[in-house]
Amino acid sequence: MDILFLKEFRIELIIGIYEWERKVPQPVMLDLEIGLRNSRAGETDRVDDTIDYGQVAARIQTTACALRPMLVEALAEHVAQLVLSEFDAPWVKVTVTKLAIVRGVKQLGICIERGQRL
């Protein structure tokens, strides 16, 4: 299976369980690996034969900011379901990272996989 990836996709959104986190958008880093149903794009050089990563990024940016999740788990699940349903991907791996949110911890987050690898 070919895998399309987006690394260090940074968005700013309201996320968190603490009152102070709910007041100001904070940076979150997303890493995605998206399984492709076929590998024809390498042969045809047509975007119609793959998943348009620009459209993926735009949809995530729009929907994630509107979501205002409490947990990184909820954001990861939202992104995974969006990719599976709207872009017809058979499999996706989503990593959500919050940056410098806990004293002494540079990064924290979650990594989930959904769907079926072909």
PDB file of N, CA and C in Angstrom:
ATOM      1  N   MET A   1       0.848  -1.180   0.000  1.00  0.00           N
ATOM      2  CA  MET A   1       0.000   0.000   0.000  1.00  0.00           C
ATOM      3  C   MET A   1       0.888   1.237   0.000  1.00  0.00           C
ATOM      4  N   ASP A   2       0.566   2.176  -0.883  1.00  0.00           N
ATOM      5  CA  ASP A   2       1.248   3.462  -0.870  1.00  0.00           C
ATOM      6  C   ASP A   2       0.672   4.309   0.258  1.00  0.00           C
ATOM      7  N   ILE A   3       1.531   5.139   0.852  1.00  0.00           N
ATOM      8  CA  ILE A   3       1.113   5.974   1.973  1.00  0.00           C
ATOM      9  C   ILE A   3       1.482   7.418   1.697  1.00  0.00           C
ATOM     10  N   LEU A   4       0.483   8.260   1.672  1.00  0.00           N
ATOM     11  CA  LEU A   4       0.656   9.708   1.550  1.00  0.00           C
ATOM     12  C   LEU A   4       0.835  10.250   2.959  1.00  0.00           C
ATOM     13  N   PHE A   5       1.789  11.176   3.159  1.00  0.00           N
ATOM     14  CA  PHE A   5       1.965  11.686   4.516  1.00  0.00           C
ATOM     15  C   PHE A   5       2.037  13.205   4.553  1.00  0.00           C
ATOM     16  N   LEU A   6       1.579  13.741   5.670  1.00  0.00           N
ATOM     17  CA  LEU A   6       1.699  15.158   6.006  1.00  0.00           C
ATOM     18  C   LEU A   6       2.394  15.191   7.362  1.00  0.00           C
ATOM     19  N   LYS A   7       3.534  15.848   7.437  1.00  0.00           N
ATOM     20  CA  LYS A   7       4.316  15.900   8.674  1.00  0.00           C
ATOM     21  C   LYS A   7       4.378  17.328   9.199  1.00  0.00           C
ATOM     22  N   GLU A   8       4.320  17.438  10.502  1.00  0.00           N
ATOM     23  CA  GLU A   8       4.435  18.723  11.189  1.00  0.00           C
ATOM     24  C   GLU A   8       3.456  19.765  10.638  1.00  0.00           C
ATOM     25  N   PHE A   9       2.215  19.326  10.439  1.00  0.00           N
ATOM     26  CA  PHE A   9       1.128  20.194  10.002  1.00  0.00           C
ATOM     27  C   PHE A   9       0.647  20.953  11.247  1.00  0.00           C
ATOM     28  N   ARG A  10       0.946  22.224  11.287  1.00  0.00           N
ATOM     29  CA  ARG A  10       0.672  23.032  12.483  1.00  0.00           C
ATOM     30  C   ARG A  10      -0.637  23.791  12.322  1.00  0.00           C
ATOM     31  N   ILE A  11      -1.491  23.655  13.326  1.00  0.00           N
ATOM     32  CA  ILE A  11      -2.721  24.438  13.366  1.00  0.00           C
ATOM     33  C   ILE A  11      -2.841  25.075  14.747  1.00  0.00           C
ATOM     34  N   GLU A  12      -3.615  26.132  14.823  1.00  0.00           N
ATOM     35  CA  GLU A  12      -3.871  26.801  16.102  1.00  0.00           C
ATOM     36  C   GLU A  12      -5.361  26.667  16.381  1.00  0.00           C
ATOM     37  N   LEU A  13      -5.686  26.159  17.558  1.00  0.00           N
ATOM     38  CA  LEU A  13      -7.080  25.977  17.917  1.00  0.00           C
ATOM     39  C   LEU A  13      -7.242  25.966  19.427  1.00  0.00           C
ATOM     40  N   ILE A  14      -8.477  26.112  19.839  1.00  0.00           N
ATOM     41  CA  ILE A  14      -8.830  25.967  21.251  1.00  0.00           C
ATOM     42  C   ILE A  14      -8.908  24.476  21.533  1.00  0.00           C
ATOM     43  N   ILE A  15      -8.083  24.021  22.477  1.00  0.00           N
ATOM     44  CA  ILE A  15      -8.084  22.612  22.860  1.00  0.00           C
ATOM     45  C   ILE A  15      -7.588  22.519  24.301  1.00  0.00           C
ATOM     46  N   GLY A  16      -8.204  21.668  25.076  1.00  0.00           N
ATOM     47  CA  GLY A  16      -7.738  21.459  26.434  1.00  0.00           C
ATOM     48  C   GLY A  16      -8.876  21.366  27.428  1.00  0.00           C
ATOM     49  N   ILE A  17      -8.536  20.870  28.613  1.00  0.00           N
ATOM     50  CA  ILE A  17      -9.546  20.673  29.647  1.00  0.00           C
ATOM     51  C   ILE A  17      -9.530  21.774  30.701  1.00  0.00           C
ATOM     52  N   TYR A  18      -8.438  22.531  30.744  1.00  0.00           N
ATOM     53  CA  TYR A  18      -8.319  23.557  31.772  1.00  0.00           C
ATOM     54  C   TYR A  18      -8.890  24.887  31.273  1.00  0.00           C
ATOM     55  N   GLU A  19      -9.435  25.644  32.184  1.00  0.00           N
ATOM     56  CA  GLU A  19     -10.065  26.925  31.835  1.00  0.00           C
ATOM     57  C   GLU A  19      -9.111  27.823  31.057  1.00  0.00           C
ATOM     58  N   TRP A  20      -7.844  27.897  31.478  1.00  0.00           N
ATOM     59  CA  TRP A  20      -6.892  28.767  30.790  1.00  0.00           C
ATOM     60  C   TRP A  20      -6.608  28.297  29.370  1.00  0.00           C
ATOM     61  N   GLU A  21      -6.764  26.994  29.102  1.00  0.00           N
ATOM     62  CA  GLU A  21      -6.555  26.469  27.745  1.00  0.00           C
ATOM     63  C   GLU A  21      -7.718  26.826  26.814  1.00  0.00           C
ATOM     64  N   ARG A  22      -8.862  27.105  27.381  1.00  0.00           N
ATOM     65  CA  ARG A  22     -10.065  27.357  26.586  1.00  0.00           C
ATOM     66  C   ARG A  22     -10.193  28.825  26.187  1.00  0.00           C
ATOM     67  N   LYS A  23      -9.236  29.661  26.567  1.00  0.00           N
ATOM     68  CA  LYS A  23      -9.333  31.094  26.303  1.00  0.00           C
ATOM     69  C   LYS A  23      -8.582  31.548  25.061  1.00  0.00           C
ATOM     70  N   VAL A  24      -7.458  30.907  24.770  1.00  0.00           N
ATOM     71  CA  VAL A  24      -6.595  31.355  23.678  1.00  0.00           C
ATOM     72  C   VAL A  24      -6.213  30.150  22.816  1.00  0.00           C
ATOM     73  N   PRO A  25      -6.278  30.285  21.498  1.00  0.00           N
ATOM     74  CA  PRO A  25      -5.823  29.181  20.645  1.00  0.00           C
ATOM     75  C   PRO A  25      -4.361  28.837  20.931  1.00  0.00           C
ATOM     76  N   GLN A  26      -4.063  27.565  20.847  1.00  0.00           N
ATOM     77  CA  GLN A  26      -2.696  27.112  21.063  1.00  0.00           C
ATOM     78  C   GLN A  26      -2.249  26.246  19.883  1.00  0.00           C
ATOM     79  N   PRO A  27      -0.941  26.210  19.628  1.00  0.00           N
ATOM     80  CA  PRO A  27      -0.451  25.422  18.500  1.00  0.00           C
ATOM     81  C   PRO A  27      -0.519  23.927  18.787  1.00  0.00           C
ATOM     82  N   VAL A  28      -0.924  23.200  17.772  1.00  0.00           N
ATOM     83  CA  VAL A  28      -0.968  21.748  17.808  1.00  0.00           C
ATOM     84  C   VAL A  28      -0.312  21.258  16.517  1.00  0.00           C
ATOM     85  N   MET A  29       0.480  20.217  16.622  1.00  0.00           N
ATOM     86  CA  MET A  29       1.147  19.641  15.468  1.00  0.00           C
ATOM     87  C   MET A  29       0.460  18.330  15.107  1.00  0.00           C
ATOM     88  N   LEU A  30       0.153  18.161  13.833  1.00  0.00           N
ATOM     89  CA  LEU A  30      -0.448  16.925  13.342  1.00  0.00           C
ATOM     90  C   LEU A  30       0.520  16.239  12.388  1.00  0.00           C
ATOM     91  N   ASP A  31       0.624  14.928  12.512  1.00  0.00           N
ATOM     92  CA  ASP A  31       1.319  14.096  11.538  1.00  0.00           C
ATOM     93  C   ASP A  31       0.315  13.068  11.064  1.00  0.00           C
ATOM     94  N   LEU A  32       0.180  12.950   9.743  1.00  0.00           N
ATOM     95  CA  LEU A  32      -0.770  12.001   9.172  1.00  0.00           C
ATOM     96  C   LEU A  32      -0.062  11.077   8.197  1.00  0.00           C
ATOM     97  N   GLU A  33      -0.470   9.825   8.227  1.00  0.00           N
ATOM     98  CA  GLU A  33      -0.111   8.858   7.203  1.00  0.00           C
ATOM     99  C   GLU A  33      -1.425   8.328   6.675  1.00  0.00           C
ATOM    100  N   ILE A  34      -1.618   8.426   5.364  1.00  0.00           N
ATOM    101  CA  ILE A  34      -2.897   8.089   4.747  1.00  0.00           C
ATOM    102  C   ILE A  34      -2.669   7.002   3.701  1.00  0.00           C
ATOM    103  N   GLY A  35      -3.308   5.852   3.894  1.00  0.00           N
ATOM    104  CA  GLY A  35      -3.207   4.764   2.930  1.00  0.00           C
ATOM    105  C   GLY A  35      -3.972   5.090   1.662  1.00  0.00           C
ATOM    106  N   LEU A  36      -3.385   4.726   0.539  1.00  0.00           N
ATOM    107  CA  LEU A  36      -4.033   4.928  -0.762  1.00  0.00           C
ATOM    108  C   LEU A  36      -4.562   3.604  -1.285  1.00  0.00           C
ATOM    109  N   ARG A  37      -5.730   3.656  -1.892  1.00  0.00           N
ATOM    110  CA  ARG A  37      -6.366   2.438  -2.405  1.00  0.00           C
ATOM    111  C   ARG A  37      -5.606   1.845  -3.591  1.00  0.00           C
ATOM    112  N   ASN A  38      -4.907   2.692  -4.331  1.00  0.00           N
ATOM    113  CA  ASN A  38      -4.157   2.195  -5.487  1.00  0.00           C
ATOM    114  C   ASN A  38      -2.899   3.032  -5.656  1.00  0.00           C
ATOM    115  N   SER A  39      -2.044   2.609  -6.537  1.00  0.00           N
ATOM    116  CA  SER A  39      -0.789   3.324  -6.772  1.00  0.00           C
ATOM    117  C   SER A  39      -0.718   3.878  -8.194  1.00  0.00           C
ATOM    118  N   ARG A  40      -1.857   4.102  -8.810  1.00  0.00           N
ATOM    119  CA  ARG A  40      -1.888   4.563 -10.205  1.00  0.00           C
ATOM    120  C   ARG A  40      -1.302   5.952 -10.405  1.00  0.00           C
ATOM    121  N   ALA A  41      -1.341   6.812  -9.399  1.00  0.00           N
ATOM    122  CA  ALA A  41      -0.892   8.194  -9.571  1.00  0.00           C
ATOM    123  C   ALA A  41       0.566   8.265 -10.017  1.00  0.00           C
ATOM    124  N   GLY A  42       1.399   7.346  -9.580  1.00  0.00           N
ATOM    125  CA  GLY A  42       2.790   7.314 -10.008  1.00  0.00           C
ATOM    126  C   GLY A  42       2.941   7.033 -11.485  1.00  0.00           C
ATOM    127  N   GLU A  43       1.979   6.310 -12.030  1.00  0.00           N
ATOM    128  CA  GLU A  43       2.004   5.983 -13.463  1.00  0.00           C
ATOM    129  C   GLU A  43       1.302   7.050 -14.302  1.00  0.00           C
ATOM    130  N   THR A  44       0.171   7.548 -13.801  1.00  0.00           N
ATOM    131  CA  THR A  44      -0.646   8.469 -14.600  1.00  0.00           C
ATOM    132  C   THR A  44      -0.287   9.937 -14.394  1.00  0.00           C
ATOM    133  N   ASP A  45       0.327  10.258 -13.267  1.00  0.00           N
ATOM    134  CA  ASP A  45       0.670  11.649 -12.924  1.00  0.00           C
ATOM    135  C   ASP A  45      -0.574  12.533 -12.842  1.00  0.00           C
ATOM    136  N   ARG A  46      -1.690  11.926 -12.382  1.00  0.00           N
ATOM    137  CA  ARG A  46      -2.963  12.649 -12.257  1.00  0.00           C
ATOM    138  C   ARG A  46      -3.410  12.674 -10.804  1.00  0.00           C
ATOM    139  N   VAL A  47      -3.791  13.865 -10.338  1.00  0.00           N
ATOM    140  CA  VAL A  47      -4.249  14.007  -8.959  1.00  0.00           C
ATOM    141  C   VAL A  47      -5.549  13.235  -8.720  1.00  0.00           C
ATOM    142  N   ASP A  48      -6.314  12.993  -9.787  1.00  0.00           N
ATOM    143  CA  ASP A  48      -7.551  12.214  -9.651  1.00  0.00           C
ATOM    144  C   ASP A  48      -7.280  10.770  -9.223  1.00  0.00           C
ATOM    145  N   ASP A  49      -6.037  10.312  -9.384  1.00  0.00           N
ATOM    146  CA  ASP A  49      -5.686   8.939  -9.033  1.00  0.00           C
ATOM    147  C   ASP A  49      -5.031   8.827  -7.653  1.00  0.00           C
ATOM    148  N   THR A  50      -5.165   9.874  -6.860  1.00  0.00           N
ATOM    149  CA  THR A  50      -4.617   9.864  -5.514  1.00  0.00           C
ATOM    150  C   THR A  50      -5.514  10.704  -4.608  1.00  0.00           C
ATOM    151  N   ILE A  51      -5.061  11.005  -3.429  1.00  0.00           N
ATOM    152  CA  ILE A  51      -5.767  11.899  -2.514  1.00  0.00           C
ATOM    153  C   ILE A  51      -5.056  13.239  -2.541  1.00  0.00           C
ATOM    154  N   ASP A  52      -5.793  14.296  -2.766  1.00  0.00           N
ATOM    155  CA  ASP A  52      -5.233  15.648  -2.851  1.00  0.00           C
ATOM    156  C   ASP A  52      -4.892  16.129  -1.443  1.00  0.00           C
ATOM    157  N   TYR A  53      -3.599  16.167  -1.112  1.00  0.00           N
ATOM    158  CA  TYR A  53      -3.180  16.534   0.246  1.00  0.00           C
ATOM    159  C   TYR A  53      -3.526  17.973   0.582  1.00  0.00           C
ATOM    160  N   GLY A  54      -3.632  18.842  -0.423  1.00  0.00           N
ATOM    161  CA  GLY A  54      -4.055  20.222  -0.169  1.00  0.00           C
ATOM    162  C   GLY A  54      -5.484  20.279   0.335  1.00  0.00           C
ATOM    163  N   GLN A  55      -6.350  19.459  -0.254  1.00  0.00           N
ATOM    164  CA  GLN A  55      -7.739  19.399   0.200  1.00  0.00           C
ATOM    165  C   GLN A  55      -7.831  18.790   1.596  1.00  0.00           C
ATOM    166  N   VAL A  56      -7.010  17.782   1.875  1.00  0.00           N
ATOM    167  CA  VAL A  56      -6.992  17.177   3.206  1.00  0.00           C
ATOM    168  C   VAL A  56      -6.618  18.233   4.249  1.00  0.00           C
ATOM    169  N   ALA A  57      -5.537  18.951   3.982  1.00  0.00           N
ATOM    170  CA  ALA A  57      -5.069  19.974   4.927  1.00  0.00           C
ATOM    171  C   ALA A  57      -6.119  21.065   5.139  1.00  0.00           C
ATOM    172  N   ALA A  58      -6.747  21.503   4.065  1.00  0.00           N
ATOM    173  CA  ALA A  58      -7.761  22.560   4.170  1.00  0.00           C
ATOM    174  C   ALA A  58      -8.958  22.095   4.996  1.00  0.00           C
ATOM    175  N   ARG A  59      -9.426  20.859   4.770  1.00  0.00           N
ATOM    176  CA  ARG A  59     -10.583  20.341   5.517  1.00  0.00           C
ATOM    177  C   ARG A  59     -10.252  20.177   7.000  1.00  0.00           C
ATOM    178  N   ILE A  60      -9.064  19.690   7.290  1.00  0.00           N
ATOM    179  CA  ILE A  60      -8.668  19.531   8.690  1.00  0.00           C
ATOM    180  C   ILE A  60      -8.597  20.895   9.365  1.00  0.00           C
ATOM    181  N   GLN A  61      -7.976  21.852   8.705  1.00  0.00           N
ATOM    182  CA  GLN A  61      -7.841  23.203   9.261  1.00  0.00           C
ATOM    183  C   GLN A  61      -9.222  23.779   9.597  1.00  0.00           C
ATOM    184  N   THR A  62     -10.137  23.682   8.667  1.00  0.00           N
ATOM    185  CA  THR A  62     -11.478  24.246   8.845  1.00  0.00           C
ATOM    186  C   THR A  62     -12.261  23.542   9.947  1.00  0.00           C
ATOM    187  N   THR A  63     -12.292  22.223   9.908  1.00  0.00           N
ATOM    188  CA  THR A  63     -13.144  21.494  10.851  1.00  0.00           C
ATOM    189  C   THR A  63     -12.538  21.424  12.245  1.00  0.00           C
ATOM    190  N   ALA A  64     -11.225  21.290  12.351  1.00  0.00           N
ATOM    191  CA  ALA A  64     -10.586  21.179  13.666  1.00  0.00           C
ATOM    192  C   ALA A  64     -10.739  22.470  14.463  1.00  0.00           C
ATOM    193  N   CYS A  65     -10.598  23.597  13.801  1.00  0.00           N
ATOM    194  CA  CYS A  65     -10.729  24.875  14.499  1.00  0.00           C
ATOM    195  C   CYS A  65     -12.156  25.096  14.991  1.00  0.00           C
ATOM    196  N   ALA A  66     -13.120  24.618  14.238  1.00  0.00           N
ATOM    197  CA  ALA A  66     -14.518  24.750  14.644  1.00  0.00           C
ATOM    198  C   ALA A  66     -14.886  23.759  15.751  1.00  0.00           C
ATOM    199  N   LEU A  67     -14.167  22.664  15.834  1.00  0.00           N
ATOM    200  CA  LEU A  67     -14.475  21.592  16.784  1.00  0.00           C
ATOM    201  C   LEU A  67     -14.260  22.002  18.248  1.00  0.00           C
ATOM    202  N   ARG A  68     -13.175  22.698  18.533  1.00  0.00           N
ATOM    203  CA  ARG A  68     -12.819  23.123  19.886  1.00  0.00           C
ATOM    204  C   ARG A  68     -12.844  21.951  20.872  1.00  0.00           C
ATOM    205  N   PRO A  69     -12.068  20.897  20.602  1.00  0.00           N
ATOM    206  CA  PRO A  69     -12.103  19.698  21.448  1.00  0.00           C
ATOM    207  C   PRO A  69     -11.475  19.923  22.811  1.00  0.00           C
ATOM    208  N   MET A  70     -11.845  19.088  23.734  1.00  0.00           N
ATOM    209  CA  MET A  70     -11.247  19.100  25.069  1.00  0.00           C
ATOM    210  C   MET A  70      -9.959  18.271  25.053  1.00  0.00           C
ATOM    211  N   LEU A  71      -9.985  17.131  24.385  1.00  0.00           N
ATOM    212  CA  LEU A  71      -8.890  16.161  24.449  1.00  0.00           C
ATOM    213  C   LEU A  71      -8.193  15.978  23.101  1.00  0.00           C
ATOM    214  N   VAL A  72      -6.889  15.684  23.162  1.00  0.00           N
ATOM    215  CA  VAL A  72      -6.157  15.369  21.935  1.00  0.00           C
ATOM    216  C   VAL A  72      -6.730  14.097  21.299  1.00  0.00           C
ATOM    217  N   GLU A  73      -7.246  13.194  22.116  1.00  0.00           N
ATOM    218  CA  GLU A  73      -7.856  11.972  21.603  1.00  0.00           C
ATOM    219  C   GLU A  73      -9.051  12.296  20.711  1.00  0.00           C
ATOM    220  N   ALA A  74      -9.865  13.260  21.112  1.00  0.00           N
ATOM    221  CA  ALA A  74     -11.039  13.644  20.325  1.00  0.00           C
ATOM    222  C   ALA A  74     -10.624  14.293  19.011  1.00  0.00           C
ATOM    223  N   LEU A  75      -9.596  15.118  19.031  1.00  0.00           N
ATOM    224  CA  LEU A  75      -9.105  15.739  17.798  1.00  0.00           C
ATOM    225  C   LEU A  75      -8.555  14.678  16.854  1.00  0.00           C
ATOM    226  N   ALA A  76      -7.773  13.740  17.375  1.00  0.00           N
ATOM    227  CA  ALA A  76      -7.221  12.670  16.539  1.00  0.00           C
ATOM    228  C   ALA A  76      -8.330  11.835  15.906  1.00  0.00           C
ATOM    229  N   GLU A  77      -9.335  11.492  16.686  1.00  0.00           N
ATOM    230  CA  GLU A  77     -10.451  10.697  16.161  1.00  0.00           C
ATOM    231  C   GLU A  77     -11.207  11.468  15.081  1.00  0.00           C
ATOM    232  N   HIS A  78     -11.440  12.746  15.312  1.00  0.00           N
ATOM    233  CA  HIS A  78     -12.123  13.578  14.322  1.00  0.00           C
ATOM    234  C   HIS A  78     -11.352  13.586  12.997  1.00  0.00           C
ATOM    235  N   VAL A  79     -10.053  13.813  13.075  1.00  0.00           N
ATOM    236  CA  VAL A  79      -9.221  13.868  11.863  1.00  0.00           C
ATOM    237  C   VAL A  79      -9.221  12.516  11.161  1.00  0.00           C
ATOM    238  N   ALA A  80      -9.084  11.438  11.915  1.00  0.00           N
ATOM    239  CA  ALA A  80      -9.075  10.103  11.313  1.00  0.00           C
ATOM    240  C   ALA A  80     -10.385   9.810  10.582  1.00  0.00           C
ATOM    241  N   GLN A  81     -11.505  10.093  11.231  1.00  0.00           N
ATOM    242  CA  GLN A  81     -12.806   9.822  10.602  1.00  0.00           C
ATOM    243  C   GLN A  81     -13.031  10.702   9.374  1.00  0.00           C
ATOM    244  N   LEU A  82     -12.576  11.935   9.422  1.00  0.00           N
ATOM    245  CA  LEU A  82     -12.682  12.840   8.279  1.00  0.00           C
ATOM    246  C   LEU A  82     -11.924  12.266   7.080  1.00  0.00           C
ATOM    247  N   VAL A  83     -10.698  11.832   7.298  1.00  0.00           N
ATOM    248  CA  VAL A  83      -9.876  11.293   6.209  1.00  0.00           C
ATOM    249  C   VAL A  83     -10.490  10.012   5.649  1.00  0.00           C
ATOM    250  N   LEU A  84     -10.956   9.130   6.527  1.00  0.00           N
ATOM    251  CA  LEU A  84     -11.553   7.878   6.069  1.00  0.00           C
ATOM    252  C   LEU A  84     -12.838   8.117   5.285  1.00  0.00           C
ATOM    253  N   SER A  85     -13.687   8.985   5.780  1.00  0.00           N
ATOM    254  CA  SER A  85     -15.002   9.159   5.153  1.00  0.00           C
ATOM    255  C   SER A  85     -14.990  10.115   3.967  1.00  0.00           C
ATOM    256  N   GLU A  86     -14.345  11.261   4.094  1.00  0.00           N
ATOM    257  CA  GLU A  86     -14.398  12.256   3.025  1.00  0.00           C
ATOM    258  C   GLU A  86     -13.404  11.989   1.895  1.00  0.00           C
ATOM    259  N   PHE A  87     -12.329  11.282   2.184  1.00  0.00           N
ATOM    260  CA  PHE A  87     -11.307  11.054   1.163  1.00  0.00           C
ATOM    261  C   PHE A  87     -11.165   9.583   0.788  1.00  0.00           C
ATOM    262  N   ASP A  88     -12.065   8.767   1.306  1.00  0.00           N
ATOM    263  CA  ASP A  88     -12.144   7.349   0.961  1.00  0.00           C
ATOM    264  C   ASP A  88     -10.821   6.615   1.144  1.00  0.00           C
ATOM    265  N   ALA A  89     -10.095   6.967   2.173  1.00  0.00           N
ATOM    266  CA  ALA A  89      -8.847   6.269   2.476  1.00  0.00           C
ATOM    267  C   ALA A  89      -9.175   4.976   3.211  1.00  0.00           C
ATOM    268  N   PRO A  90      -8.457   3.888   2.932  1.00  0.00           N
ATOM    269  CA  PRO A  90      -8.733   2.636   3.642  1.00  0.00           C
ATOM    270  C   PRO A  90      -8.115   2.594   5.037  1.00  0.00           C
ATOM    271  N   TRP A  91      -7.073   3.432   5.268  1.00  0.00           N
ATOM    272  CA  TRP A  91      -6.337   3.399   6.533  1.00  0.00           C
ATOM    273  C   TRP A  91      -5.725   4.768   6.786  1.00  0.00           C
ATOM    274  N   VAL A  92      -5.652   5.148   8.049  1.00  0.00           N
ATOM    275  CA  VAL A  92      -5.009   6.413   8.404  1.00  0.00           C
ATOM    276  C   VAL A  92      -4.357   6.282   9.782  1.00  0.00           C
ATOM    277  N   LYS A  93      -3.228   6.932   9.914  1.00  0.00           N
ATOM    278  CA  LYS A  93      -2.551   7.051  11.201  1.00  0.00           C
ATOM    279  C   LYS A  93      -2.444   8.537  11.499  1.00  0.00           C
ATOM    280  N   VAL A  94      -2.923   8.948  12.669  1.00  0.00           N
ATOM    281  CA  VAL A  94      -2.939  10.361  13.055  1.00  0.00           C
ATOM    282  C   VAL A  94      -2.205  10.521  14.375  1.00  0.00           C
ATOM    283  N   THR A  95      -1.252  11.436  14.384  1.00  0.00           N
ATOM    284  CA  THR A  95      -0.561  11.806  15.611  1.00  0.00           C
ATOM    285  C   THR A  95      -0.866  13.262  15.901  1.00  0.00           C
ATOM    286  N   VAL A  96      -1.348  13.540  17.106  1.00  0.00           N
ATOM    287  CA  VAL A  96      -1.632  14.906  17.551  1.00  0.00           C
ATOM    288  C   VAL A  96      -0.664  15.221  18.681  1.00  0.00           C
ATOM    289  N   THR A  97       0.050  16.334  18.540  1.00  0.00           N
ATOM    290  CA  THR A  97       1.042  16.731  19.530  1.00  0.00           C
ATOM    291  C   THR A  97       0.752  18.139  20.031  1.00  0.00           C
ATOM    292  N   LYS A  98       0.624  18.273  21.348  1.00  0.00           N
ATOM    293  CA  LYS A  98       0.562  19.595  21.974  1.00  0.00           C
ATOM    294  C   LYS A  98       1.983  19.970  22.372  1.00  0.00           C
ATOM    295  N   LEU A  99       2.310  21.225  22.210  1.00  0.00           N
ATOM    296  CA  LEU A  99       3.686  21.671  22.399  1.00  0.00           C
ATOM    297  C   LEU A  99       3.855  22.434  23.709  1.00  0.00           C
ATOM    298  N   ALA A 100       4.821  22.019  24.520  1.00  0.00           N
ATOM    299  CA  ALA A 100       5.214  22.721  25.750  1.00  0.00           C
ATOM    300  C   ALA A 100       4.013  23.124  26.614  1.00  0.00           C
ATOM    301  N   ILE A 101       3.102  22.199  26.830  1.00  0.00           N
ATOM    302  CA  ILE A 101       1.895  22.510  27.595  1.00  0.00           C
ATOM    303  C   ILE A 101       2.048  22.143  29.072  1.00  0.00           C
ATOM    304  N   VAL A 102       2.924  21.178  29.381  1.00  0.00           N
ATOM    305  CA  VAL A 102       3.163  20.756  30.757  1.00  0.00           C
ATOM    306  C   VAL A 102       4.620  21.072  31.098  1.00  0.00           C
ATOM    307  N   ARG A 103       4.818  21.664  32.241  1.00  0.00           N
ATOM    308  CA  ARG A 103       6.176  22.032  32.660  1.00  0.00           C
ATOM    309  C   ARG A 103       7.102  20.818  32.604  1.00  0.00           C
ATOM    310  N   GLY A 104       8.227  21.002  31.918  1.00  0.00           N
ATOM    311  CA  GLY A 104       9.211  19.938  31.820  1.00  0.00           C
ATOM    312  C   GLY A 104       8.956  18.939  30.711  1.00  0.00           C
ATOM    313  N   VAL A 105       7.853  19.092  29.992  1.00  0.00           N
ATOM    314  CA  VAL A 105       7.509  18.181  28.894  1.00  0.00           C
ATOM    315  C   VAL A 105       7.465  18.992  27.600  1.00  0.00           C
ATOM    316  N   LYS A 106       8.340  18.657  26.677  1.00  0.00           N
ATOM    317  CA  LYS A 106       8.414  19.402  25.416  1.00  0.00           C
ATOM    318  C   LYS A 106       7.199  19.123  24.525  1.00  0.00           C
ATOM    319  N   GLN A 107       6.789  17.868  24.445  1.00  0.00           N
ATOM    320  CA  GLN A 107       5.653  17.477  23.618  1.00  0.00           C
ATOM    321  C   GLN A 107       4.850  16.397  24.323  1.00  0.00           C
ATOM    322  N   LEU A 108       3.532  16.414  24.084  1.00  0.00           N
ATOM    323  CA  LEU A 108       2.679  15.325  24.545  1.00  0.00           C
ATOM    324  C   LEU A 108       1.576  15.140  23.531  1.00  0.00           C
ATOM    325  N   GLY A 109       0.995  13.963  23.503  1.00  0.00           N
ATOM    326  CA  GLY A 109      -0.047  13.751  22.516  1.00  0.00           C
ATOM    327  C   GLY A 109      -0.506  12.321  22.430  1.00  0.00           C
ATOM    328  N   ILE A 110      -1.061  12.010  21.270  1.00  0.00           N
ATOM    329  CA  ILE A 110      -1.638  10.684  21.021  1.00  0.00           C
ATOM    330  C   ILE A 110      -1.395  10.298  19.571  1.00  0.00           C
ATOM    331  N   CYS A 111      -1.294   9.014  19.341  1.00  0.00           N
ATOM    332  CA  CYS A 111      -1.167   8.476  17.990  1.00  0.00           C
ATOM    333  C   CYS A 111      -2.207   7.375  17.845  1.00  0.00           C
ATOM    334  N   ILE A 112      -3.066   7.475  16.819  1.00  0.00           N
ATOM    335  CA  ILE A 112      -4.103   6.462  16.600  1.00  0.00           C
ATOM    336  C   ILE A 112      -4.024   5.954  15.156  1.00  0.00           C
ATOM    337  N   GLU A 113      -4.486   4.754  14.945  1.00  0.00           N
ATOM    338  CA  GLU A 113      -4.631   4.197  13.607  1.00  0.00           C
ATOM    339  C   GLU A 113      -6.068   3.722  13.465  1.00  0.00           C
ATOM    340  N   ARG A 114      -6.651   4.026  12.315  1.00  0.00           N
ATOM    341  CA  ARG A 114      -8.015   3.595  12.030  1.00  0.00           C
ATOM    342  C   ARG A 114      -8.073   3.026  10.612  1.00  0.00           C
ATOM    343  N   GLY A 115      -9.008   2.117  10.407  1.00  0.00           N
ATOM    344  CA  GLY A 115      -9.181   1.528   9.093  1.00  0.00           C
ATOM    345  C   GLY A 115      -8.366   0.252   8.950  1.00  0.00           C
ATOM    346  N   GLN A 116      -8.194  -0.161   7.715  1.00  0.00           N
ATOM    347  CA  GLN A 116      -7.540  -1.427   7.402  1.00  0.00           C
ATOM    348  C   GLN A 116      -6.433  -1.199   6.385  1.00  0.00           C
ATOM    349  N   ARG A 117      -5.225  -1.634   6.726  1.00  0.00           N
ATOM    350  CA  ARG A 117      -4.124  -1.577   5.743  1.00  0.00           C
ATOM    351  C   ARG A 117      -4.415  -2.581   4.639  1.00  0.00           C
ATOM    352  N   LEU A 118      -4.205  -2.160   3.419  1.00  0.00           N
ATOM    353  CA  LEU A 118      -4.448  -3.072   2.276  1.00  0.00           C
ATOM    354  C   LEU A 118      -3.219  -3.882   1.959  1.00  0.00           C
TER     355      LEU A 118
END
